[in-house]
């Protein structure tokens, strides 16, 4: 988590909760709920991107998982793909 953000633990917990709620929202049969969940998840993915860059630049290890700098850098180009996938799922899922 970048140092300019306060309440690191709380932000991680809130973003995780929002990810779970967004994922559940994509599973709801209502197109309106799916669209809202999709846009919410897309915005969340954009907002957490700086934290992902911070992890790559500073080679931050999460818990006991050792991905190394290469793992963090390879993860970054996946973010736009994930955003596209979320938006596609929100609009086209039946």
C-alpha atoms as a PDB file:
ATOM      1  CA  UNK A   1       0.000   0.000   0.000  1.00  0.00           C
ATOM      2  CA  UNK A   2       1.491   3.360  -0.953  1.00  0.00           C
ATOM      3  CA  UNK A   3       2.605   5.427   2.026  1.00  0.00           C
ATOM      4  CA  UNK A   4       0.444   8.401   1.010  1.00  0.00           C
ATOM      5  CA  UNK A   5      -2.696   6.384   1.800  1.00  0.00           C
ATOM      6  CA  UNK A   6      -3.879   6.179   5.418  1.00  0.00           C
ATOM      7  CA  UNK A   7      -5.377   3.147   7.157  1.00  0.00           C
ATOM      8  CA  UNK A   8      -3.641   0.482   5.078  1.00  0.00           C
ATOM      9  CA  UNK A   9      -5.210  -2.542   6.759  1.00  0.00           C
ATOM     10  CA  UNK A  10      -8.687  -1.034   6.639  1.00  0.00           C
ATOM     11  CA  UNK A  11      -8.356  -0.139   2.954  1.00  0.00           C
ATOM     12  CA  UNK A  12      -7.284  -3.681   2.133  1.00  0.00           C
ATOM     13  CA  UNK A  13     -10.244  -5.102   4.054  1.00  0.00           C
ATOM     14  CA  UNK A  14     -12.721  -2.687   2.435  1.00  0.00           C
ATOM     15  CA  UNK A  15     -11.380  -3.343  -1.073  1.00  0.00           C
ATOM     16  CA  UNK A  16     -11.595  -7.099  -0.441  1.00  0.00           C
ATOM     17  CA  UNK A  17     -15.181  -6.771   0.769  1.00  0.00           C
ATOM     18  CA  UNK A  18     -16.056  -4.674  -2.288  1.00  0.00           C
ATOM     19  CA  UNK A  19     -14.500  -7.319  -4.556  1.00  0.00           C
ATOM     20  CA  UNK A  20     -16.625 -10.027  -2.927  1.00  0.00           C
ATOM     21  CA  UNK A  21     -19.811  -7.946  -3.136  1.00  0.00           C
ATOM     22  CA  UNK A  22     -19.054  -7.067  -6.761  1.00  0.00           C
ATOM     23  CA  UNK A  23     -18.510 -10.708  -7.635  1.00  0.00           C
ATOM     24  CA  UNK A  24     -21.797 -11.634  -5.983  1.00  0.00           C
ATOM     25  CA  UNK A  25     -23.476  -8.767  -7.841  1.00  0.00           C
ATOM     26  CA  UNK A  26     -22.315 -10.219 -11.160  1.00  0.00           C
ATOM     27  CA  UNK A  27     -24.099 -13.469 -10.246  1.00  0.00           C
ATOM     28  CA  UNK A  28     -27.469 -11.769  -9.614  1.00  0.00           C
ATOM     29  CA  UNK A  29     -30.015 -12.316 -12.404  1.00  0.00           C
ATOM     30  CA  UNK A  30     -30.978  -8.632 -12.525  1.00  0.00           C
ATOM     31  CA  UNK A  31     -29.245  -6.828 -15.431  1.00  0.00           C
ATOM     32  CA  UNK A  32     -29.366  -3.591 -13.437  1.00  0.00           C
ATOM     33  CA  UNK A  33     -27.515  -5.142 -10.487  1.00  0.00           C
ATOM     34  CA  UNK A  34     -24.975  -6.825 -12.798  1.00  0.00           C
ATOM     35  CA  UNK A  35     -24.241  -3.552 -14.571  1.00  0.00           C
ATOM     36  CA  UNK A  36     -23.802  -1.713 -11.269  1.00  0.00           C
ATOM     37  CA  UNK A  37     -21.550  -4.473  -9.934  1.00  0.00           C
ATOM     38  CA  UNK A  38     -19.517  -4.478 -13.146  1.00  0.00           C
ATOM     39  CA  UNK A  39     -18.949  -0.740 -13.111  1.00  0.00           C
ATOM     40  CA  UNK A  40     -18.141  -0.841  -9.395  1.00  0.00           C
ATOM     41  CA  UNK A  41     -15.563  -3.574  -9.900  1.00  0.00           C
ATOM     42  CA  UNK A  42     -14.056  -1.780 -12.900  1.00  0.00           C
ATOM     43  CA  UNK A  43     -13.654   1.408 -10.851  1.00  0.00           C
ATOM     44  CA  UNK A  44     -12.163  -0.594  -7.981  1.00  0.00           C
ATOM     45  CA  UNK A  45      -9.633  -2.209 -10.341  1.00  0.00           C
ATOM     46  CA  UNK A  46      -8.616   1.225 -11.601  1.00  0.00           C
ATOM     47  CA  UNK A  47      -8.303   2.565  -8.048  1.00  0.00           C
ATOM     48  CA  UNK A  48      -6.130  -0.304  -6.811  1.00  0.00           C
ATOM     49  CA  UNK A  49      -3.805  -0.171  -9.816  1.00  0.00           C
ATOM     50  CA  UNK A  50      -1.434   2.361  -8.144  1.00  0.00           C
ATOM     51  CA  UNK A  51      -1.089  -0.015  -5.189  1.00  0.00           C
ATOM     52  CA  UNK A  52      -0.193  -2.829  -7.600  1.00  0.00           C
ATOM     53  CA  UNK A  53       2.436  -0.607  -9.236  1.00  0.00           C
ATOM     54  CA  UNK A  54       3.753   0.279  -5.779  1.00  0.00           C
ATOM     55  CA  UNK A  55       4.112  -3.432  -4.968  1.00  0.00           C
ATOM     56  CA  UNK A  56       5.993  -4.071  -8.214  1.00  0.00           C
ATOM     57  CA  UNK A  57       8.330  -1.097  -7.893  1.00  0.00           C
ATOM     58  CA  UNK A  58       9.140  -1.834  -4.254  1.00  0.00           C
ATOM     59  CA  UNK A  59       9.116  -5.652  -4.554  1.00  0.00           C
ATOM     60  CA  UNK A  60       6.720  -5.990  -1.637  1.00  0.00           C
ATOM     61  CA  UNK A  61       6.082  -9.508  -0.402  1.00  0.00           C
ATOM     62  CA  UNK A  62       2.572 -10.414   0.806  1.00  0.00           C
ATOM     63  CA  UNK A  63       2.609 -12.817   3.725  1.00  0.00           C
ATOM     64  CA  UNK A  64       4.592 -15.947   2.972  1.00  0.00           C
ATOM     65  CA  UNK A  65       3.926 -15.771  -0.784  1.00  0.00           C
ATOM     66  CA  UNK A  66       7.141 -15.067  -2.722  1.00  0.00           C
ATOM     67  CA  UNK A  67       6.339 -13.869  -6.223  1.00  0.00           C
ATOM     68  CA  UNK A  68       9.318 -11.602  -6.697  1.00  0.00           C
ATOM     69  CA  UNK A  69       9.451  -8.485  -8.829  1.00  0.00           C
ATOM     70  CA  UNK A  70       8.798 -10.379 -12.066  1.00  0.00           C
ATOM     71  CA  UNK A  71       5.513 -11.716 -10.708  1.00  0.00           C
ATOM     72  CA  UNK A  72       4.339  -8.251  -9.711  1.00  0.00           C
ATOM     73  CA  UNK A  73       5.349  -6.752 -13.068  1.00  0.00           C
ATOM     74  CA  UNK A  74       3.632  -9.534 -15.025  1.00  0.00           C
ATOM     75  CA  UNK A  75       0.466  -8.883 -13.059  1.00  0.00           C
ATOM     76  CA  UNK A  76       0.189  -5.243 -14.151  1.00  0.00           C
ATOM     77  CA  UNK A  77      -0.755  -5.828 -17.826  1.00  0.00           C
ATOM     78  CA  UNK A  78      -3.517  -8.166 -16.650  1.00  0.00           C
ATOM     79  CA  UNK A  79      -5.376  -5.304 -14.977  1.00  0.00           C
ATOM     80  CA  UNK A  80      -6.886  -3.904 -18.234  1.00  0.00           C
ATOM     81  CA  UNK A  81      -7.879  -7.446 -19.222  1.00  0.00           C
ATOM     82  CA  UNK A  82      -9.625  -7.919 -15.883  1.00  0.00           C
ATOM     83  CA  UNK A  83     -11.462  -4.613 -16.321  1.00  0.00           C
ATOM     84  CA  UNK A  84     -12.632  -5.670 -19.787  1.00  0.00           C
ATOM     85  CA  UNK A  85     -13.704  -9.090 -18.460  1.00  0.00           C
ATOM     86  CA  UNK A  86     -15.715  -7.577 -15.603  1.00  0.00           C
ATOM     87  CA  UNK A  87     -17.491  -5.150 -17.920  1.00  0.00           C
ATOM     88  CA  UNK A  88     -18.161  -7.903 -20.471  1.00  0.00           C
ATOM     89  CA  UNK A  89     -19.570 -10.136 -17.729  1.00  0.00           C
ATOM     90  CA  UNK A  90     -21.787  -7.364 -16.423  1.00  0.00           C
ATOM     91  CA  UNK A  91     -23.355  -6.660 -19.834  1.00  0.00           C
ATOM     92  CA  UNK A  92     -23.536 -10.011 -21.576  1.00  0.00           C
ATOM     93  CA  UNK A  93     -24.056 -12.585 -18.893  1.00  0.00           C
ATOM     94  CA  UNK A  94     -27.498 -14.256 -19.044  1.00  0.00           C
END
